[in-house]
Amino acid sequence: MDMREMVDRVKAGKTPYGESRLSPYLQGVAARQSRYSALFFSTVPWFNFVNHNQHGVDTAKYYQQAERELEAERSGKSS
């Protein structure tokens, strides 16, 4: 997903990466497996379809951008 999609999700009140039904432990396992899967992809193709929140990205930037856009929308409507 790109910045626009993530900010739109935050503005809609959703979490950036969605909700997972897995336990935090299994989400961690999936994150570790996907992190290192590219190293041996030629030997064992390993795809990860698990939704987890451990992407190594600071999600604060999405919330800050959504805040700025909502503030701009509010000030634009009031003028």
PDB file of N, CA and C in Angstrom:
ATOM      1  N   MET A   1       0.843  -1.179   0.000  1.00  0.00           N
ATOM      2  CA  MET A   1       0.000   0.000   0.000  1.00  0.00           C
ATOM      3  C   MET A   1       0.886   1.239   0.000  1.00  0.00           C
ATOM      4  N   ASP A   2       0.385   2.260  -0.602  1.00  0.00           N
ATOM      5  CA  ASP A   2       1.154   3.491  -0.609  1.00  0.00           C
ATOM      6  C   ASP A   2       0.621   4.446   0.463  1.00  0.00           C
ATOM      7  N   MET A   3       1.257   5.595   0.573  1.00  0.00           N
ATOM      8  CA  MET A   3       0.920   6.572   1.607  1.00  0.00           C
ATOM      9  C   MET A   3      -0.551   6.988   1.512  1.00  0.00           C
ATOM     10  N   ARG A   4      -1.050   7.198   0.302  1.00  0.00           N
ATOM     11  CA  ARG A   4      -2.436   7.643   0.121  1.00  0.00           C
ATOM     12  C   ARG A   4      -3.422   6.617   0.688  1.00  0.00           C
ATOM     13  N   GLU A   5      -3.202   5.350   0.374  1.00  0.00           N
ATOM     14  CA  GLU A   5      -4.098   4.298   0.860  1.00  0.00           C
ATOM     15  C   GLU A   5      -4.045   4.182   2.378  1.00  0.00           C
ATOM     16  N   MET A   6      -2.847   4.283   2.936  1.00  0.00           N
ATOM     17  CA  MET A   6      -2.700   4.162   4.388  1.00  0.00           C
ATOM     18  C   MET A   6      -3.376   5.329   5.100  1.00  0.00           C
ATOM     19  N   VAL A   7      -3.186   6.535   4.597  1.00  0.00           N
ATOM     20  CA  VAL A   7      -3.808   7.711   5.212  1.00  0.00           C
ATOM     21  C   VAL A   7      -5.327   7.620   5.101  1.00  0.00           C
ATOM     22  N   ASP A   8      -5.826   7.155   3.976  1.00  0.00           N
ATOM     23  CA  ASP A   8      -7.273   6.987   3.815  1.00  0.00           C
ATOM     24  C   ASP A   8      -7.826   5.980   4.818  1.00  0.00           C
ATOM     25  N   ARG A   9      -7.076   4.912   5.076  1.00  0.00           N
ATOM     26  CA  ARG A   9      -7.510   3.922   6.072  1.00  0.00           C
ATOM     27  C   ARG A   9      -7.567   4.546   7.461  1.00  0.00           C
ATOM     28  N   VAL A  10      -6.549   5.334   7.800  1.00  0.00           N
ATOM     29  CA  VAL A  10      -6.511   5.974   9.120  1.00  0.00           C
ATOM     30  C   VAL A  10      -7.661   6.970   9.248  1.00  0.00           C
ATOM     31  N   LYS A  11      -7.907   7.750   8.197  1.00  0.00           N
ATOM     32  CA  LYS A  11      -8.999   8.724   8.234  1.00  0.00           C
ATOM     33  C   LYS A  11     -10.353   8.044   8.375  1.00  0.00           C
ATOM     34  N   ALA A  12     -10.470   6.830   7.869  1.00  0.00           N
ATOM     35  CA  ALA A  12     -11.718   6.073   7.983  1.00  0.00           C
ATOM     36  C   ALA A  12     -11.847   5.384   9.340  1.00  0.00           C
ATOM     37  N   GLY A  13     -10.840   5.536  10.199  1.00  0.00           N
ATOM     38  CA  GLY A  13     -10.893   4.936  11.529  1.00  0.00           C
ATOM     39  C   GLY A  13     -10.395   3.505  11.584  1.00  0.00           C
ATOM     40  N   LYS A  14      -9.739   3.050  10.531  1.00  0.00           N
ATOM     41  CA  LYS A  14      -9.203   1.688  10.494  1.00  0.00           C
ATOM     42  C   LYS A  14      -7.721   1.713  10.845  1.00  0.00           C
ATOM     43  N   THR A  15      -7.196   0.576  11.237  1.00  0.00           N
ATOM     44  CA  THR A  15      -5.760   0.482  11.476  1.00  0.00           C
ATOM     45  C   THR A  15      -5.047   0.394  10.131  1.00  0.00           C
ATOM     46  N   PRO A  16      -3.810   0.890  10.033  1.00  0.00           N
ATOM     47  CA  PRO A  16      -3.121   0.916   8.737  1.00  0.00           C
ATOM     48  C   PRO A  16      -2.992  -0.450   8.068  1.00  0.00           C
ATOM     49  N   TYR A  17      -2.693  -1.486   8.839  1.00  0.00           N
ATOM     50  CA  TYR A  17      -2.470  -2.797   8.241  1.00  0.00           C
ATOM     51  C   TYR A  17      -3.621  -3.757   8.461  1.00  0.00           C
ATOM     52  N   GLY A  18      -4.737  -3.285   8.984  1.00  0.00           N
ATOM     53  CA  GLY A  18      -5.884  -4.155   9.205  1.00  0.00           C
ATOM     54  C   GLY A  18      -5.775  -4.926  10.510  1.00  0.00           C
ATOM     55  N   GLU A  19      -6.768  -5.723  10.773  1.00  0.00           N
ATOM     56  CA  GLU A  19      -6.821  -6.524  11.995  1.00  0.00           C
ATOM     57  C   GLU A  19      -6.491  -7.971  11.667  1.00  0.00           C
ATOM     58  N   SER A  20      -5.788  -8.619  12.565  1.00  0.00           N
ATOM     59  CA  SER A  20      -5.447 -10.020  12.379  1.00  0.00           C
ATOM     60  C   SER A  20      -6.185 -10.861  13.412  1.00  0.00           C
ATOM     61  N   ARG A  21      -6.573 -12.043  13.011  1.00  0.00           N
ATOM     62  CA  ARG A  21      -7.231 -12.956  13.942  1.00  0.00           C
ATOM     63  C   ARG A  21      -6.232 -13.869  14.640  1.00  0.00           C
ATOM     64  N   LEU A  22      -4.956 -13.761  14.273  1.00  0.00           N
ATOM     65  CA  LEU A  22      -3.931 -14.607  14.883  1.00  0.00           C
ATOM     66  C   LEU A  22      -3.470 -14.035  16.213  1.00  0.00           C
ATOM     67  N   SER A  23      -2.907 -14.912  17.031  1.00  0.00           N
ATOM     68  CA  SER A  23      -2.344 -14.461  18.300  1.00  0.00           C
ATOM     69  C   SER A  23      -1.091 -13.631  18.021  1.00  0.00           C
ATOM     70  N   PRO A  24      -0.697 -12.775  18.958  1.00  0.00           N
ATOM     71  CA  PRO A  24       0.526 -11.990  18.759  1.00  0.00           C
ATOM     72  C   PRO A  24       1.753 -12.866  18.511  1.00  0.00           C
ATOM     73  N   TYR A  25       1.799 -14.037  19.134  1.00  0.00           N
ATOM     74  CA  TYR A  25       2.933 -14.939  18.926  1.00  0.00           C
ATOM     75  C   TYR A  25       3.006 -15.383  17.463  1.00  0.00           C
ATOM     76  N   LEU A  26       1.879 -15.842  16.915  1.00  0.00           N
ATOM     77  CA  LEU A  26       1.871 -16.302  15.525  1.00  0.00           C
ATOM     78  C   LEU A  26       2.111 -15.156  14.543  1.00  0.00           C
ATOM     79  N   GLN A  27       1.673 -13.955  14.884  1.00  0.00           N
ATOM     80  CA  GLN A  27       1.978 -12.801  14.045  1.00  0.00           C
ATOM     81  C   GLN A  27       3.485 -12.557  14.016  1.00  0.00           C
ATOM     82  N   GLY A  28       4.141 -12.730  15.164  1.00  0.00           N
ATOM     83  CA  GLY A  28       5.595 -12.585  15.226  1.00  0.00           C
ATOM     84  C   GLY A  28       6.305 -13.645  14.407  1.00  0.00           C
ATOM     85  N   VAL A  29       5.815 -14.875  14.480  1.00  0.00           N
ATOM     86  CA  VAL A  29       6.392 -15.958  13.679  1.00  0.00           C
ATOM     87  C   VAL A  29       6.276 -15.621  12.195  1.00  0.00           C
ATOM     88  N   ALA A  30       5.113 -15.175  11.777  1.00  0.00           N
ATOM     89  CA  ALA A  30       4.900 -14.825  10.366  1.00  0.00           C
ATOM     90  C   ALA A  30       5.802 -13.677   9.940  1.00  0.00           C
ATOM     91  N   ALA A  31       5.969 -12.697  10.811  1.00  0.00           N
ATOM     92  CA  ALA A  31       6.827 -11.550  10.478  1.00  0.00           C
ATOM     93  C   ALA A  31       8.274 -11.989  10.315  1.00  0.00           C
ATOM     94  N   ARG A  32       8.746 -12.849  11.214  1.00  0.00           N
ATOM     95  CA  ARG A  32      10.137 -13.322  11.109  1.00  0.00           C
ATOM     96  C   ARG A  32      10.333 -14.171   9.859  1.00  0.00           C
ATOM     97  N   GLN A  33       9.366 -15.011   9.547  1.00  0.00           N
ATOM     98  CA  GLN A  33       9.496 -15.846   8.352  1.00  0.00           C
ATOM     99  C   GLN A  33       9.497 -15.005   7.083  1.00  0.00           C
ATOM    100  N   SER A  34       8.664 -13.992   7.030  1.00  0.00           N
ATOM    101  CA  SER A  34       8.636 -13.169   5.815  1.00  0.00           C
ATOM    102  C   SER A  34       9.872 -12.283   5.726  1.00  0.00           C
ATOM    103  N   ARG A  35      10.427 -11.898   6.863  1.00  0.00           N
ATOM    104  CA  ARG A  35      11.609 -11.041   6.865  1.00  0.00           C
ATOM    105  C   ARG A  35      12.796 -11.743   6.220  1.00  0.00           C
ATOM    106  N   TYR A  36      12.944 -13.024   6.465  1.00  0.00           N
ATOM    107  CA  TYR A  36      14.109 -13.756   5.971  1.00  0.00           C
ATOM    108  C   TYR A  36      13.793 -14.660   4.780  1.00  0.00           C
ATOM    109  N   SER A  37      12.574 -14.626   4.276  1.00  0.00           N
ATOM    110  CA  SER A  37      12.198 -15.542   3.196  1.00  0.00           C
ATOM    111  C   SER A  37      12.939 -15.247   1.896  1.00  0.00           C
ATOM    112  N   ALA A  38      13.323 -14.010   1.651  1.00  0.00           N
ATOM    113  CA  ALA A  38      14.004 -13.656   0.397  1.00  0.00           C
ATOM    114  C   ALA A  38      15.395 -14.275   0.307  1.00  0.00           C
ATOM    115  N   LEU A  39      15.989 -14.607   1.451  1.00  0.00           N
ATOM    116  CA  LEU A  39      17.340 -15.169   1.438  1.00  0.00           C
ATOM    117  C   LEU A  39      17.395 -16.533   0.755  1.00  0.00           C
ATOM    118  N   PHE A  40      16.359 -17.329   0.919  1.00  0.00           N
ATOM    119  CA  PHE A  40      16.358 -18.687   0.370  1.00  0.00           C
ATOM    120  C   PHE A  40      15.247 -18.892  -0.654  1.00  0.00           C
ATOM    121  N   PHE A  41      14.791 -17.807  -1.263  1.00  0.00           N
ATOM    122  CA  PHE A  41      13.669 -17.901  -2.195  1.00  0.00           C
ATOM    123  C   PHE A  41      13.979 -18.810  -3.380  1.00  0.00           C
ATOM    124  N   SER A  42      15.225 -18.829  -3.819  1.00  0.00           N
ATOM    125  CA  SER A  42      15.577 -19.685  -4.957  1.00  0.00           C
ATOM    126  C   SER A  42      15.550 -21.162  -4.576  1.00  0.00           C
ATOM    127  N   THR A  43      15.746 -21.458  -3.296  1.00  0.00           N
ATOM    128  CA  THR A  43      15.731 -22.840  -2.825  1.00  0.00           C
ATOM    129  C   THR A  43      14.322 -23.284  -2.456  1.00  0.00           C
ATOM    130  N   VAL A  44      13.675 -22.501  -1.607  1.00  0.00           N
ATOM    131  CA  VAL A  44      12.327 -22.818  -1.141  1.00  0.00           C
ATOM    132  C   VAL A  44      11.469 -21.561  -1.283  1.00  0.00           C
ATOM    133  N   PRO A  45      10.651 -21.474  -2.310  1.00  0.00           N
ATOM    134  CA  PRO A  45       9.781 -20.301  -2.432  1.00  0.00           C
ATOM    135  C   PRO A  45       8.793 -20.245  -1.267  1.00  0.00           C
ATOM    136  N   TRP A  46       8.846 -19.180  -0.497  1.00  0.00           N
ATOM    137  CA  TRP A  46       8.033 -19.068   0.702  1.00  0.00           C
ATOM    138  C   TRP A  46       7.233 -17.778   0.626  1.00  0.00           C
ATOM    139  N   PHE A  47       5.929 -17.915   0.593  1.00  0.00           N
ATOM    140  CA  PHE A  47       5.062 -16.749   0.517  1.00  0.00           C
ATOM    141  C   PHE A  47       4.350 -16.569   1.843  1.00  0.00           C
ATOM    142  N   ASN A  48       4.132 -15.341   2.226  1.00  0.00           N
ATOM    143  CA  ASN A  48       3.485 -15.045   3.493  1.00  0.00           C
ATOM    144  C   ASN A  48       2.187 -14.296   3.219  1.00  0.00           C
ATOM    145  N   PHE A  49       1.081 -14.920   3.556  1.00  0.00           N
ATOM    146  CA  PHE A  49      -0.224 -14.294   3.372  1.00  0.00           C
ATOM    147  C   PHE A  49      -0.860 -13.927   4.704  1.00  0.00           C
ATOM    148  N   VAL A  50      -0.050 -13.922   5.763  1.00  0.00           N
ATOM    149  CA  VAL A  50      -0.552 -13.627   7.101  1.00  0.00           C
ATOM    150  C   VAL A  50      -0.575 -12.118   7.309  1.00  0.00           C
ATOM    151  N   ASN A  51      -1.648 -11.625   7.874  1.00  0.00           N
ATOM    152  CA  ASN A  51      -1.750 -10.211   8.205  1.00  0.00           C
ATOM    153  C   ASN A  51      -1.102  -9.998   9.572  1.00  0.00           C
ATOM    154  N   HIS A  52      -0.030  -9.227   9.609  1.00  0.00           N
ATOM    155  CA  HIS A  52       0.637  -8.920  10.875  1.00  0.00           C
ATOM    156  C   HIS A  52       1.003  -7.450  10.889  1.00  0.00           C
ATOM    157  N   ASN A  53       1.267  -6.930  12.072  1.00  0.00           N
ATOM    158  CA  ASN A  53       1.547  -5.503  12.207  1.00  0.00           C
ATOM    159  C   ASN A  53       3.028  -5.204  12.411  1.00  0.00           C
ATOM    160  N   GLN A  54       3.888  -6.146  12.191  1.00  0.00           N
ATOM    161  CA  GLN A  54       5.319  -5.964  12.448  1.00  0.00           C
ATOM    162  C   GLN A  54       6.061  -5.729  11.138  1.00  0.00           C
ATOM    163  N   HIS A  55       5.797  -4.580  10.521  1.00  0.00           N
ATOM    164  CA  HIS A  55       6.384  -4.285   9.222  1.00  0.00           C
ATOM    165  C   HIS A  55       7.658  -3.458   9.315  1.00  0.00           C
ATOM    166  N   GLY A  56       8.041  -3.042  10.509  1.00  0.00           N
ATOM    167  CA  GLY A  56       9.249  -2.239  10.652  1.00  0.00           C
ATOM    168  C   GLY A  56       9.082  -0.828  10.127  1.00  0.00           C
ATOM    169  N   VAL A  57       7.854  -0.355  10.060  1.00  0.00           N
ATOM    170  CA  VAL A  57       7.563   0.988   9.565  1.00  0.00           C
ATOM    171  C   VAL A  57       6.933   1.787  10.697  1.00  0.00           C
ATOM    172  N   ASP A  58       7.373   3.021  10.855  1.00  0.00           N
ATOM    173  CA  ASP A  58       6.777   3.889  11.865  1.00  0.00           C
ATOM    174  C   ASP A  58       5.434   4.381  11.343  1.00  0.00           C
ATOM    175  N   THR A  59       4.355   3.896  11.920  1.00  0.00           N
ATOM    176  CA  THR A  59       3.023   4.244  11.428  1.00  0.00           C
ATOM    177  C   THR A  59       2.581   5.631  11.865  1.00  0.00           C
ATOM    178  N   ALA A  60       3.357   6.296  12.700  1.00  0.00           N
ATOM    179  CA  ALA A  60       2.987   7.639  13.152  1.00  0.00           C
ATOM    180  C   ALA A  60       2.840   8.594  11.973  1.00  0.00           C
ATOM    181  N   LYS A  61       3.618   8.399  10.928  1.00  0.00           N
ATOM    182  CA  LYS A  61       3.540   9.310   9.776  1.00  0.00           C
ATOM    183  C   LYS A  61       2.175   9.258   9.105  1.00  0.00           C
ATOM    184  N   TYR A  62       1.519   8.113   9.119  1.00  0.00           N
ATOM    185  CA  TYR A  62       0.191   8.010   8.528  1.00  0.00           C
ATOM    186  C   TYR A  62      -0.831   8.776   9.365  1.00  0.00           C
ATOM    187  N   TYR A  63      -0.723   8.643  10.684  1.00  0.00           N
ATOM    188  CA  TYR A  63      -1.641   9.339  11.574  1.00  0.00           C
ATOM    189  C   TYR A  63      -1.418  10.848  11.516  1.00  0.00           C
ATOM    190  N   GLN A  64      -0.165  11.279  11.433  1.00  0.00           N
ATOM    191  CA  GLN A  64       0.128  12.711  11.351  1.00  0.00           C
ATOM    192  C   GLN A  64      -0.400  13.303  10.052  1.00  0.00           C
ATOM    193  N   GLN A  65      -0.214  12.596   8.947  1.00  0.00           N
ATOM    194  CA  GLN A  65      -0.711  13.085   7.661  1.00  0.00           C
ATOM    195  C   GLN A  65      -2.234  13.134   7.661  1.00  0.00           C
ATOM    196  N   ALA A  66      -2.876  12.127   8.232  1.00  0.00           N
ATOM    197  CA  ALA A  66      -4.338  12.116   8.304  1.00  0.00           C
ATOM    198  C   ALA A  66      -4.833  13.286   9.143  1.00  0.00           C
ATOM    199  N   GLU A  67      -4.127  13.570  10.243  1.00  0.00           N
ATOM    200  CA  GLU A  67      -4.479  14.709  11.086  1.00  0.00           C
ATOM    201  C   GLU A  67      -4.391  16.014  10.305  1.00  0.00           C
ATOM    202  N   ARG A  68      -3.295  16.190   9.557  1.00  0.00           N
ATOM    203  CA  ARG A  68      -3.117  17.407   8.763  1.00  0.00           C
ATOM    204  C   ARG A  68      -4.225  17.551   7.720  1.00  0.00           C
ATOM    205  N   GLU A  69      -4.569  16.458   7.066  1.00  0.00           N
ATOM    206  CA  GLU A  69      -5.609  16.515   6.041  1.00  0.00           C
ATOM    207  C   GLU A  69      -6.978  16.811   6.640  1.00  0.00           C
ATOM    208  N   LEU A  70      -7.279  16.195   7.784  1.00  0.00           N
ATOM    209  CA  LEU A  70      -8.563  16.464   8.429  1.00  0.00           C
ATOM    210  C   LEU A  70      -8.644  17.915   8.885  1.00  0.00           C
ATOM    211  N   GLU A  71      -7.541  18.443   9.403  1.00  0.00           N
ATOM    212  CA  GLU A  71      -7.502  19.845   9.828  1.00  0.00           C
ATOM    213  C   GLU A  71      -7.688  20.770   8.629  1.00  0.00           C
ATOM    214  N   ALA A  72      -7.054  20.447   7.502  1.00  0.00           N
ATOM    215  CA  ALA A  72      -7.204  21.256   6.290  1.00  0.00           C
ATOM    216  C   ALA A  72      -8.645  21.205   5.783  1.00  0.00           C
ATOM    217  N   GLU A  73      -9.268  20.039   5.875  1.00  0.00           N
ATOM    218  CA  GLU A  73     -10.666  19.921   5.455  1.00  0.00           C
ATOM    219  C   GLU A  73     -11.571  20.759   6.345  1.00  0.00           C
ATOM    220  N   ARG A  74     -11.314  20.718   7.659  1.00  0.00           N
ATOM    221  CA  ARG A  74     -12.120  21.500   8.595  1.00  0.00           C
ATOM    222  C   ARG A  74     -11.958  22.993   8.349  1.00  0.00           C
ATOM    223  N   SER A  75     -10.719  23.437   8.170  1.00  0.00           N
ATOM    224  CA  SER A  75     -10.486  24.873   7.967  1.00  0.00           C
ATOM    225  C   SER A  75     -10.998  25.316   6.597  1.00  0.00           C
ATOM    226  N   GLY A  76     -10.984  24.436   5.619  1.00  0.00           N
ATOM    227  CA  GLY A  76     -11.506  24.762   4.295  1.00  0.00           C
ATOM    228  C   GLY A  76     -13.016  24.904   4.296  1.00  0.00           C
ATOM    229  N   LYS A  77     -13.684  24.101   5.103  1.00  0.00           N
ATOM    230  CA  LYS A  77     -15.142  24.166   5.168  1.00  0.00           C
ATOM    231  C   LYS A  77     -15.610  25.377   5.962  1.00  0.00           C
ATOM    232  N   SER A  78     -14.830  25.789   6.963  1.00  0.00           N
ATOM    233  CA  SER A  78     -15.245  26.907   7.811  1.00  0.00           C
ATOM    234  C   SER A  78     -14.984  28.258   7.160  1.00  0.00           C
ATOM    235  N   SER A  79     -14.117  28.326   6.122  1.00  0.00           N
ATOM    236  CA  SER A  79     -13.837  29.626   5.503  1.00  0.00           C
ATOM    237  C   SER A  79     -14.833  29.993   4.454  1.00  0.00           C
TER     238      SER A  79
END
